[in-house]
Amino acid sequence: MVSNQPLFTPYRMGNLDLPNRIVMAPLTRMRAQSHDCEQRASAGLIITEATETSPEGLGWADTPGLWTKEQVRGWRLVTDAVHAPDGRIFAQLRHTGRILPPERLGGAQPVSASKVDPGQISVTPAGRKPTVVPRALTKQEIQVTVRDLAPAARNAIEAGSDGAQILANDLYLISQFLNAATDLRKDEYGGNLANRSRFLFEVIDSVLGEVNAQRVGVKIRPIYEGVAFRANNETLPVTEYAIPKLSTYNLSHLLLVGNTTDFSGTPLEMLAGDGMFQHFRPLYKGTLIANVKMDRERGNRLIAEGLADLVAFGRPYSANPDLVQRFAESAPLAEVAGTPSTFRGPTAIPITQPINHPNTTPGAEHAKDNPPTEQGDRSRSLRHSLQSTRLRNSRTLLVAEVHSTQRAYCTGTRMTVRSGPFDARYAAL
């Protein structure tokens, strides 16, 4: 695809040669499908939706995992679909920490850096529920959690991913350590900038023990999301501490997320708009991916100005699987409407159907790196979805994770996978 736009110049990222600088951003779509990813394989890089690293960290309903061999086999079907047309794919890994609802743990408290309720929302099979006060991880449990992420990264590579991205921002466990308002510890994991960053770098060191640094990336940003994640005087300094140190690891990339909320009147006001990239570009010497509120014009400009090497698109990709071609031809884009499970492109197929659950909790709609309409609501069972959706391509492969209390009746099921409290069913329809 020939174009003289900066987005279409080839780029070497780590050990990968990318044909263009367009990245499919890691939205939590709650529908990890080979069909979805294959449609978008013309991107320079696809980063999967957040993928859980252990049952103890699985805080969102209907999100995929990478801690069992069965899940690895399921993901292999997705990565093969992406690689067939010469695409490239990274798996994003996360532990949700205190966002995890107690029912996932048989009524036990979720874990975090400290006993602080983040005041956010957990997305459960029964709908949206307020978070609760977690218990603080012991030092021994911290080490177990650190070790959990390394096998997940290894599993991502075994499953055929070209690399793994560590999710170190948003409302989840790593950022719960970075945030001075949610990390009140008095030991070596709390207090000063180095201590609050310790968990992040122990995770990275652990992952790099299993996977080459050139195949590992990190997603990070200073955030302002409300309640316990309001920006404070430590929010910017801890990110300014972490990002230059990340440069020393020779990682595949750093995905830097712009502001998704209004920074006006906060300690992050200077980072609004392009300010995020203007501020941190000089602090990170490796490949920098810019994300959030991107369009073709802004992406081309950020690359031309040297503020980013690659640009990640989330909402535009949801409704435009042919985004690369549309950008090359400067063609209009299809509009995004609905929730992640109902986003449509020319041939996009949903796994689930949403049920609306009103939510008025401050900050809850920003649990991800994109606007509220991309949060997704509670989903009906896979059975209902498959029955109500016309699937015309008999070779389409759907990959979904379904709560064990739900039942999926799928024609031509190839594999039924039990992974902890969830059934992961890989159905060829």
Protein backbone atom coordinates (compact mmCIF):
# COMPACT_ATOMS: atom_id res chain seq x y z
CA MET A 1 0.00 0.00 0.00
CA VAL A 2 1.80 3.10 -1.24
CA SER A 3 1.42 6.48 0.47
CA ASN A 4 3.77 9.34 1.21
CA GLN A 5 2.19 9.97 4.64
CA PRO A 6 4.52 9.59 7.67
CA LEU A 7 2.18 6.87 8.99
CA PHE A 8 3.15 4.74 6.00
CA THR A 9 6.91 4.80 6.37
CA PRO A 10 8.37 1.40 7.42
CA TYR A 11 9.76 1.12 10.93
CA ARG A 12 12.01 -1.28 12.83
CA MET A 13 10.57 -1.94 16.30
CA GLY A 14 12.75 -4.22 18.40
CA ASN A 15 13.31 -7.27 16.24
CA LEU A 16 10.27 -6.64 14.04
CA ASP A 17 10.07 -4.85 10.71
CA LEU A 18 6.76 -3.01 10.48
CA PRO A 19 5.40 -2.07 7.03
CA ASN A 20 3.69 1.01 8.48
CA ARG A 21 3.44 2.93 11.75
CA ILE A 22 -0.25 2.27 12.41
CA VAL A 23 -0.96 0.26 15.57
CA MET A 24 -4.25 -1.28 16.65
CA ALA A 25 -4.59 -0.15 20.27
CA PRO A 26 -5.26 -2.59 23.14
CA LEU A 27 -8.89 -1.82 23.93
CA THR A 28 -10.79 -4.11 26.29
CA ARG A 29 -13.35 -5.28 23.75
CA MET A 30 -14.21 -8.45 25.69
CA ARG A 31 -14.18 -10.37 22.42
CA ALA A 32 -10.77 -11.91 21.64
CA GLN A 33 -11.45 -13.20 18.14
CA SER A 34 -9.15 -14.46 15.45
CA HIS A 35 -11.61 -12.98 12.93
CA ASP A 36 -11.35 -9.54 14.52
CA CYS A 37 -7.57 -9.62 14.49
CA GLU A 38 -7.21 -11.13 11.02
CA GLN A 39 -9.35 -8.34 9.57
CA ARG A 40 -6.89 -5.80 10.98
CA ALA A 41 -3.65 -7.60 10.14
CA SER A 42 -2.61 -4.84 7.72
CA ALA A 43 -1.72 -2.73 10.77
CA GLY A 44 1.95 -2.34 11.48
CA LEU A 45 1.19 -3.98 14.82
CA ILE A 46 -1.84 -5.35 16.68
CA ILE A 47 -1.85 -5.21 20.47
CA THR A 48 -4.47 -7.49 21.97
CA GLU A 49 -7.03 -6.55 24.53
CA ALA A 50 -5.88 -6.86 28.15
CA THR A 51 -5.23 -10.51 28.92
CA GLU A 52 -5.20 -11.80 32.47
CA THR A 53 -2.14 -13.53 33.88
CA SER A 54 -3.74 -15.61 36.66
CA PRO A 55 -7.18 -16.40 38.10
CA GLU A 56 -6.37 -14.12 41.04
CA GLY A 57 -5.94 -11.17 38.70
CA LEU A 58 -8.98 -11.69 36.48
CA GLY A 59 -11.07 -8.66 37.29
CA TRP A 60 -13.21 -8.14 34.19
CA ALA A 61 -15.95 -10.40 32.89
CA ASP A 62 -15.36 -12.09 29.54
CA THR A 63 -11.70 -11.18 29.15
CA PRO A 64 -9.15 -13.74 27.98
CA GLY A 65 -6.34 -15.33 29.97
CA LEU A 66 -2.85 -16.76 29.38
CA TRP A 67 -2.10 -18.98 32.35
CA THR A 68 -3.12 -22.44 31.06
CA LYS A 69 -1.98 -24.61 28.19
CA GLU A 70 -5.53 -24.67 26.87
CA GLN A 71 -5.55 -20.88 26.67
CA VAL A 72 -2.21 -20.99 24.87
CA ARG A 73 -3.70 -23.33 22.27
CA GLY A 74 -6.68 -21.03 21.87
CA TRP A 75 -4.47 -17.96 21.38
CA ARG A 76 -2.42 -19.87 18.82
CA LEU A 77 -5.49 -19.87 16.60
CA VAL A 78 -5.66 -16.08 16.89
CA THR A 79 -1.97 -15.47 16.22
CA ASP A 80 -1.99 -17.87 13.27
CA ALA A 81 -4.88 -15.92 11.78
CA VAL A 82 -2.90 -12.69 12.12
CA HIS A 83 0.34 -14.12 10.76
CA ALA A 84 -1.30 -15.74 7.73
CA PRO A 85 -1.62 -12.37 5.91
CA ASP A 86 1.80 -11.31 7.32
CA GLY A 87 0.52 -9.42 10.35
CA ARG A 88 2.21 -8.87 13.72
CA ILE A 89 0.66 -9.18 17.18
CA PHE A 90 1.63 -8.49 20.81
CA ALA A 91 -0.33 -9.80 23.81
CA GLN A 92 -1.10 -7.24 26.51
CA LEU A 93 -0.76 -8.67 30.03
CA ARG A 94 -2.36 -7.36 33.22
CA HIS A 95 -3.29 -8.10 36.81
CA THR A 96 -6.34 -6.08 37.87
CA GLY A 97 -5.55 -6.03 41.61
CA ARG A 98 -8.26 -4.31 43.67
CA ILE A 99 -10.59 -3.97 40.64
CA LEU A 100 -11.23 -7.71 41.03
CA PRO A 101 -14.72 -8.34 42.49
CA PRO A 102 -14.90 -10.56 45.61
CA GLU A 103 -17.18 -13.12 43.92
CA ARG A 104 -14.26 -14.06 41.66
CA LEU A 105 -12.41 -15.13 44.81
CA GLY A 106 -15.22 -16.98 46.54
CA GLY A 107 -16.05 -13.91 48.62
CA ALA A 108 -12.47 -13.15 49.64
CA GLN A 109 -11.03 -9.65 49.40
CA PRO A 110 -9.12 -8.68 46.26
CA VAL A 111 -5.49 -7.68 46.73
CA SER A 112 -3.58 -4.49 46.17
CA ALA A 113 -0.66 -2.43 47.44
CA SER A 114 -2.69 -1.15 50.43
CA LYS A 115 -6.14 -1.22 52.00
CA VAL A 116 -7.62 1.58 49.92
CA ASP A 117 -10.88 1.30 47.98
CA PRO A 118 -10.19 2.86 44.57
CA GLY A 119 -13.82 3.94 44.28
CA GLN A 120 -14.17 2.46 40.81
CA ILE A 121 -16.34 -0.18 39.15
CA SER A 122 -15.82 -3.90 38.65
CA VAL A 123 -17.31 -5.40 35.49
CA THR A 124 -18.78 -8.77 36.49
CA PRO A 125 -20.99 -11.36 34.73
CA ALA A 126 -23.84 -10.02 36.91
CA GLY A 127 -23.26 -6.41 35.88
CA ARG A 128 -21.26 -3.44 37.14
CA LYS A 129 -20.49 -3.40 40.85
CA PRO A 130 -18.60 -0.95 43.07
CA THR A 131 -15.10 -1.95 44.11
CA VAL A 132 -14.43 -2.87 47.72
CA VAL A 133 -11.62 -2.29 50.19
CA PRO A 134 -8.86 -4.77 49.27
CA ARG A 135 -6.29 -6.33 51.53
CA ALA A 136 -2.63 -5.42 51.21
CA LEU A 137 -0.38 -7.98 49.58
CA THR A 138 2.26 -9.46 51.85
CA LYS A 139 5.86 -9.34 50.66
CA GLN A 140 5.69 -13.06 49.88
CA GLU A 141 2.50 -12.56 47.88
CA ILE A 142 4.11 -9.72 45.95
CA GLN A 143 6.88 -12.06 44.85
CA VAL A 144 4.35 -14.71 43.81
CA THR A 145 2.45 -12.11 41.79
CA VAL A 146 5.65 -10.90 40.14
CA ARG A 147 6.47 -14.47 39.17
CA ASP A 148 2.95 -15.01 37.77
CA LEU A 149 3.48 -12.45 35.02
CA ALA A 150 6.63 -14.09 33.66
CA PRO A 151 4.97 -17.42 32.69
CA ALA A 152 2.12 -15.46 31.09
CA ALA A 153 4.65 -13.62 28.92
CA ARG A 154 6.31 -16.91 28.04
CA ASN A 155 2.89 -18.36 27.22
CA ALA A 156 2.21 -15.40 24.93
CA ILE A 157 5.33 -16.24 22.91
CA GLU A 158 4.49 -19.95 22.93
CA ALA A 159 1.03 -19.02 21.65
CA GLY A 160 2.65 -17.34 18.65
CA SER A 161 2.60 -13.71 19.74
CA ASP A 162 5.47 -11.60 18.46
CA GLY A 163 5.84 -10.10 21.92
CA ALA A 164 4.13 -9.10 25.15
CA GLN A 165 3.15 -5.71 26.52
CA ILE A 166 2.98 -5.13 30.28
CA LEU A 167 0.02 -2.98 31.32
CA ALA A 168 1.41 -0.56 33.90
CA ASN A 169 -1.26 2.13 33.83
CA ASP A 170 -5.00 2.67 34.18
CA LEU A 171 -6.52 1.45 37.45
CA TYR A 172 -4.77 -1.91 37.77
CA LEU A 173 -2.24 -3.51 40.07
CA ILE A 174 1.01 -1.94 38.85
CA SER A 175 -0.49 1.55 38.87
CA GLN A 176 -1.94 0.82 42.33
CA PHE A 177 1.67 0.58 43.52
CA LEU A 178 2.79 3.64 41.55
CA ASN A 179 -0.02 5.83 42.91
CA ALA A 180 0.80 7.53 46.22
CA ALA A 181 -2.91 7.61 47.14
CA THR A 182 -3.33 3.84 46.78
CA ASP A 183 0.13 2.75 47.97
CA LEU A 184 0.40 3.61 51.67
CA ARG A 185 2.98 0.95 52.46
CA LYS A 186 5.82 1.57 54.92
CA ASP A 187 8.17 -1.09 53.52
CA GLU A 188 10.38 -1.11 50.42
CA TYR A 189 7.29 -1.05 48.15
CA GLY A 190 5.94 2.27 49.44
CA GLY A 191 6.96 5.80 50.22
CA ASN A 192 9.46 7.34 47.82
CA LEU A 193 9.42 7.19 44.02
CA ALA A 194 11.91 4.34 43.78
CA ASN A 195 9.98 2.21 46.26
CA ARG A 196 6.60 2.77 44.63
CA SER A 197 8.16 1.89 41.27
CA ARG A 198 9.84 -1.23 42.64
CA PHE A 199 6.93 -3.55 41.82
CA LEU A 200 6.88 -2.39 38.18
CA PHE A 201 10.57 -3.03 37.68
CA GLU A 202 10.49 -6.37 39.48
CA VAL A 203 7.73 -7.43 37.08
CA ILE A 204 9.82 -6.30 34.11
CA ASP A 205 12.92 -8.10 35.41
CA SER A 206 10.87 -11.25 35.90
CA VAL A 207 9.38 -11.08 32.41
CA LEU A 208 12.78 -10.44 30.85
CA GLY A 209 13.97 -13.64 32.50
CA GLU A 210 11.60 -15.47 30.14
CA VAL A 211 11.34 -13.22 27.06
CA ASN A 212 13.92 -11.15 25.19
CA ALA A 213 13.65 -7.42 25.91
CA GLN A 214 13.18 -6.74 22.20
CA ARG A 215 9.87 -8.58 22.45
CA VAL A 216 8.57 -6.81 25.57
CA GLY A 217 6.84 -3.44 25.76
CA VAL A 218 5.23 -1.37 28.52
CA LYS A 219 2.09 0.76 28.52
CA ILE A 220 2.10 3.62 31.00
CA ARG A 221 0.82 7.14 31.69
CA PRO A 222 0.14 9.53 34.56
CA ILE A 223 -3.61 9.38 35.13
CA TYR A 224 -6.43 11.41 36.60
CA GLU A 225 -9.51 9.25 36.95
CA GLY A 226 -11.25 10.37 40.11
CA VAL A 227 -11.60 9.10 43.70
CA ALA A 228 -8.36 7.30 44.68
CA PHE A 229 -6.90 7.96 41.23
CA ARG A 230 -7.17 11.72 41.28
CA ALA A 231 -3.92 13.30 40.18
CA ASN A 232 -1.80 14.42 43.11
CA ASN A 233 1.61 16.00 43.57
CA GLU A 234 3.27 12.58 43.19
CA THR A 235 1.47 11.51 39.98
CA LEU A 236 3.77 13.23 37.50
CA PRO A 237 7.04 12.71 39.44
CA VAL A 238 6.61 8.93 39.68
CA THR A 239 6.05 8.70 35.93
CA GLU A 240 9.02 10.99 35.32
CA TYR A 241 11.05 8.60 37.47
CA ALA A 242 9.83 5.42 35.78
CA ILE A 243 10.02 6.35 32.10
CA PRO A 244 13.75 7.25 31.90
CA LYS A 245 14.53 4.04 33.80
CA LEU A 246 12.45 2.09 31.29
CA SER A 247 14.76 3.47 28.58
CA THR A 248 17.65 1.51 30.08
CA TYR A 249 15.97 -1.84 29.42
CA ASN A 250 16.18 -1.66 25.60
CA LEU A 251 12.53 -2.71 25.37
CA SER A 252 10.50 -3.18 22.21
CA HIS A 253 8.44 -0.05 22.91
CA LEU A 254 6.74 2.26 25.34
CA LEU A 255 3.05 2.91 24.69
CA LEU A 256 2.28 6.33 26.15
CA VAL A 257 -1.38 7.18 26.65
CA GLY A 258 -2.61 10.76 26.33
CA ASN A 259 -5.22 12.34 28.57
CA THR A 260 -8.65 10.71 28.57
CA THR A 261 -10.05 13.08 31.19
CA ASP A 262 -9.93 16.84 31.67
CA PHE A 263 -6.57 17.77 33.17
CA SER A 264 -7.57 21.41 33.72
CA GLY A 265 -6.71 22.64 37.20
CA THR A 266 -4.80 19.46 38.08
CA PRO A 267 -1.06 18.83 38.50
CA LEU A 268 -1.20 17.26 35.02
CA GLU A 269 -2.60 20.29 33.20
CA MET A 270 0.59 20.74 31.16
CA LEU A 271 0.16 17.22 29.74
CA ALA A 272 -3.17 17.84 28.00
CA GLY A 273 -3.31 17.26 24.26
CA ASP A 274 0.13 16.87 22.70
CA GLY A 275 1.67 17.98 26.01
CA MET A 276 1.95 14.35 27.13
CA PHE A 277 4.18 13.47 24.20
CA GLN A 278 6.12 16.74 24.23
CA HIS A 279 6.98 16.16 27.87
CA PHE A 280 7.94 12.50 27.82
CA ARG A 281 9.48 12.09 24.35
CA PRO A 282 12.83 13.51 25.56
CA LEU A 283 12.75 11.17 28.56
CA TYR A 284 12.36 7.93 26.59
CA LYS A 285 15.03 6.95 24.08
CA GLY A 286 13.37 3.91 22.53
CA THR A 287 10.32 3.36 20.35
CA LEU A 288 7.41 5.47 21.57
CA ILE A 289 3.81 4.69 20.59
CA ALA A 290 1.32 7.55 21.04
CA ASN A 291 -2.26 6.61 21.89
CA VAL A 292 -5.72 8.13 22.56
CA LYS A 293 -7.85 10.54 20.54
CA MET A 294 -5.83 9.92 17.40
CA ASP A 295 -6.90 10.53 13.83
CA ARG A 296 -4.96 10.37 10.58
CA GLU A 297 -3.93 14.02 10.60
CA ARG A 298 -2.75 14.02 14.20
CA GLY A 299 -0.90 10.73 13.78
CA ASN A 300 0.98 12.00 10.74
CA ARG A 301 1.86 15.22 12.55
CA LEU A 302 3.15 13.52 15.71
CA ILE A 303 5.44 11.32 13.66
CA ALA A 304 6.62 14.19 11.45
CA GLU A 305 7.39 16.29 14.55
CA GLY A 306 9.33 13.46 16.17
CA LEU A 307 6.94 13.20 19.13
CA ALA A 308 6.08 9.58 18.35
CA ASP A 309 7.48 6.72 16.31
CA LEU A 310 4.20 4.82 16.00
CA VAL A 311 0.58 5.80 16.58
CA ALA A 312 -2.09 3.54 18.11
CA PHE A 313 -5.73 3.85 17.08
CA GLY A 314 -8.54 2.41 19.19
CA ARG A 315 -12.00 3.72 18.37
CA PRO A 316 -11.30 4.14 14.64
CA TYR A 317 -10.23 0.49 14.41
CA SER A 318 -13.38 -0.72 16.12
CA ALA A 319 -15.57 0.31 13.20
CA ASN A 320 -12.94 0.24 10.43
CA PRO A 321 -11.05 -3.05 10.13
CA ASP A 322 -9.71 -1.67 6.82
CA LEU A 323 -8.32 1.42 8.59
CA VAL A 324 -4.91 1.20 6.89
CA GLN A 325 -6.47 1.29 3.43
CA ARG A 326 -8.80 4.13 4.37
CA PHE A 327 -5.89 6.16 5.72
CA ALA A 328 -3.83 5.47 2.59
CA GLU A 329 -6.66 6.70 0.40
CA SER A 330 -7.66 9.54 2.77
CA ALA A 331 -11.11 7.97 2.71
CA PRO A 332 -13.83 8.78 5.27
CA LEU A 333 -14.17 6.47 8.27
CA ALA A 334 -17.20 4.56 9.46
CA GLU A 335 -18.57 6.03 12.68
CA VAL A 336 -18.23 4.18 15.97
CA ALA A 337 -21.51 3.45 17.73
CA GLY A 338 -22.47 1.30 20.68
CA THR A 339 -20.27 -0.67 23.07
CA PRO A 340 -17.25 -2.83 22.25
CA SER A 341 -19.34 -5.96 21.84
CA THR A 342 -21.50 -4.30 19.18
CA PHE A 343 -18.87 -2.36 17.20
CA ARG A 344 -19.26 -3.05 13.52
CA GLY A 345 -17.03 -2.75 10.56
CA PRO A 346 -17.83 -4.15 7.12
CA THR A 347 -17.65 -7.73 8.44
CA ALA A 348 -16.96 -7.48 12.17
CA ILE A 349 -18.82 -10.11 14.18
CA PRO A 350 -19.72 -9.67 17.88
CA ILE A 351 -19.32 -12.40 20.49
CA THR A 352 -21.72 -10.93 23.00
CA GLN A 353 -24.64 -8.57 23.17
CA PRO A 354 -24.66 -5.77 25.76
CA ILE A 355 -27.18 -5.06 28.43
CA ASN A 356 -27.06 -1.46 29.60
CA HIS A 357 -26.33 -0.89 33.27
CA PRO A 358 -26.42 2.78 34.31
CA ASN A 359 -23.33 3.85 36.17
CA THR A 360 -22.82 7.11 38.00
CA THR A 361 -19.72 6.30 40.04
CA PRO A 362 -17.05 9.01 39.52
CA GLY A 363 -14.18 7.86 37.37
CA ALA A 364 -15.66 4.46 36.64
CA GLU A 365 -16.12 5.11 32.95
CA HIS A 366 -12.39 5.65 32.51
CA ALA A 367 -11.16 2.27 33.63
CA LYS A 368 -9.58 1.97 30.22
CA ASP A 369 -7.64 4.23 27.92
CA ASN A 370 -10.62 5.37 25.85
CA PRO A 371 -13.93 7.25 26.19
CA PRO A 372 -16.91 5.86 28.10
CA THR A 373 -18.61 4.22 25.13
CA GLU A 374 -15.69 1.79 24.93
CA GLN A 375 -16.12 0.44 28.44
CA GLY A 376 -18.62 -2.26 27.61
CA ASP A 377 -21.40 -3.43 29.86
CA ARG A 378 -22.49 -6.76 31.16
CA SER A 379 -22.84 -9.34 28.38
CA ARG A 380 -25.47 -11.93 27.85
CA SER A 381 -24.43 -15.51 27.45
CA LEU A 382 -22.48 -16.63 24.44
CA ARG A 383 -25.39 -18.84 23.55
CA HIS A 384 -27.73 -15.86 23.17
CA SER A 385 -25.18 -14.00 21.12
CA LEU A 386 -24.47 -16.82 18.73
CA GLN A 387 -28.15 -17.52 18.27
CA SER A 388 -28.95 -13.89 17.52
CA THR A 389 -26.03 -13.20 15.18
CA ARG A 390 -25.94 -14.23 11.53
CA LEU A 391 -22.52 -15.74 10.87
CA ARG A 392 -22.07 -16.11 7.13
CA ASN A 393 -18.47 -17.24 7.01
CA SER A 394 -18.32 -20.91 7.96
CA ARG A 395 -14.61 -20.61 8.69
CA THR A 396 -14.95 -17.78 11.21
CA LEU A 397 -13.32 -18.65 14.52
CA LEU A 398 -14.64 -17.07 17.70
CA VAL A 399 -12.66 -17.08 20.92
CA ALA A 400 -14.57 -16.18 24.08
CA GLU A 401 -14.21 -16.64 27.79
CA VAL A 402 -17.50 -17.44 29.48
CA HIS A 403 -18.40 -17.66 33.15
CA SER A 404 -18.85 -21.23 34.33
CA THR A 405 -22.48 -20.58 35.23
CA GLN A 406 -23.21 -19.67 31.62
CA ARG A 407 -23.64 -22.34 28.96
CA ALA A 408 -22.58 -22.06 25.37
CA TYR A 409 -24.12 -24.22 22.71
CA CYS A 410 -21.87 -23.97 19.69
CA THR A 411 -22.16 -25.85 16.46
CA GLY A 412 -18.91 -27.56 15.60
CA THR A 413 -17.10 -26.87 18.90
CA ARG A 414 -13.48 -27.90 18.50
CA MET A 415 -12.32 -27.47 22.06
CA THR A 416 -13.81 -26.79 25.46
CA VAL A 417 -11.29 -25.44 27.94
CA ARG A 418 -11.69 -25.16 31.67
CA SER A 419 -9.41 -22.57 33.20
CA GLY A 420 -10.04 -21.94 36.88
CA PRO A 421 -13.54 -20.55 37.42
CA PHE A 422 -14.06 -19.93 33.71
CA ASP A 423 -14.78 -21.93 30.61
CA ALA A 424 -12.82 -20.79 27.56
CA ARG A 425 -14.57 -22.16 24.51
CA TYR A 426 -13.04 -21.99 21.09
CA ALA A 427 -15.80 -22.56 18.58
CA ALA A 428 -15.39 -22.84 14.83
CA LEU A 429 -18.72 -21.93 13.31
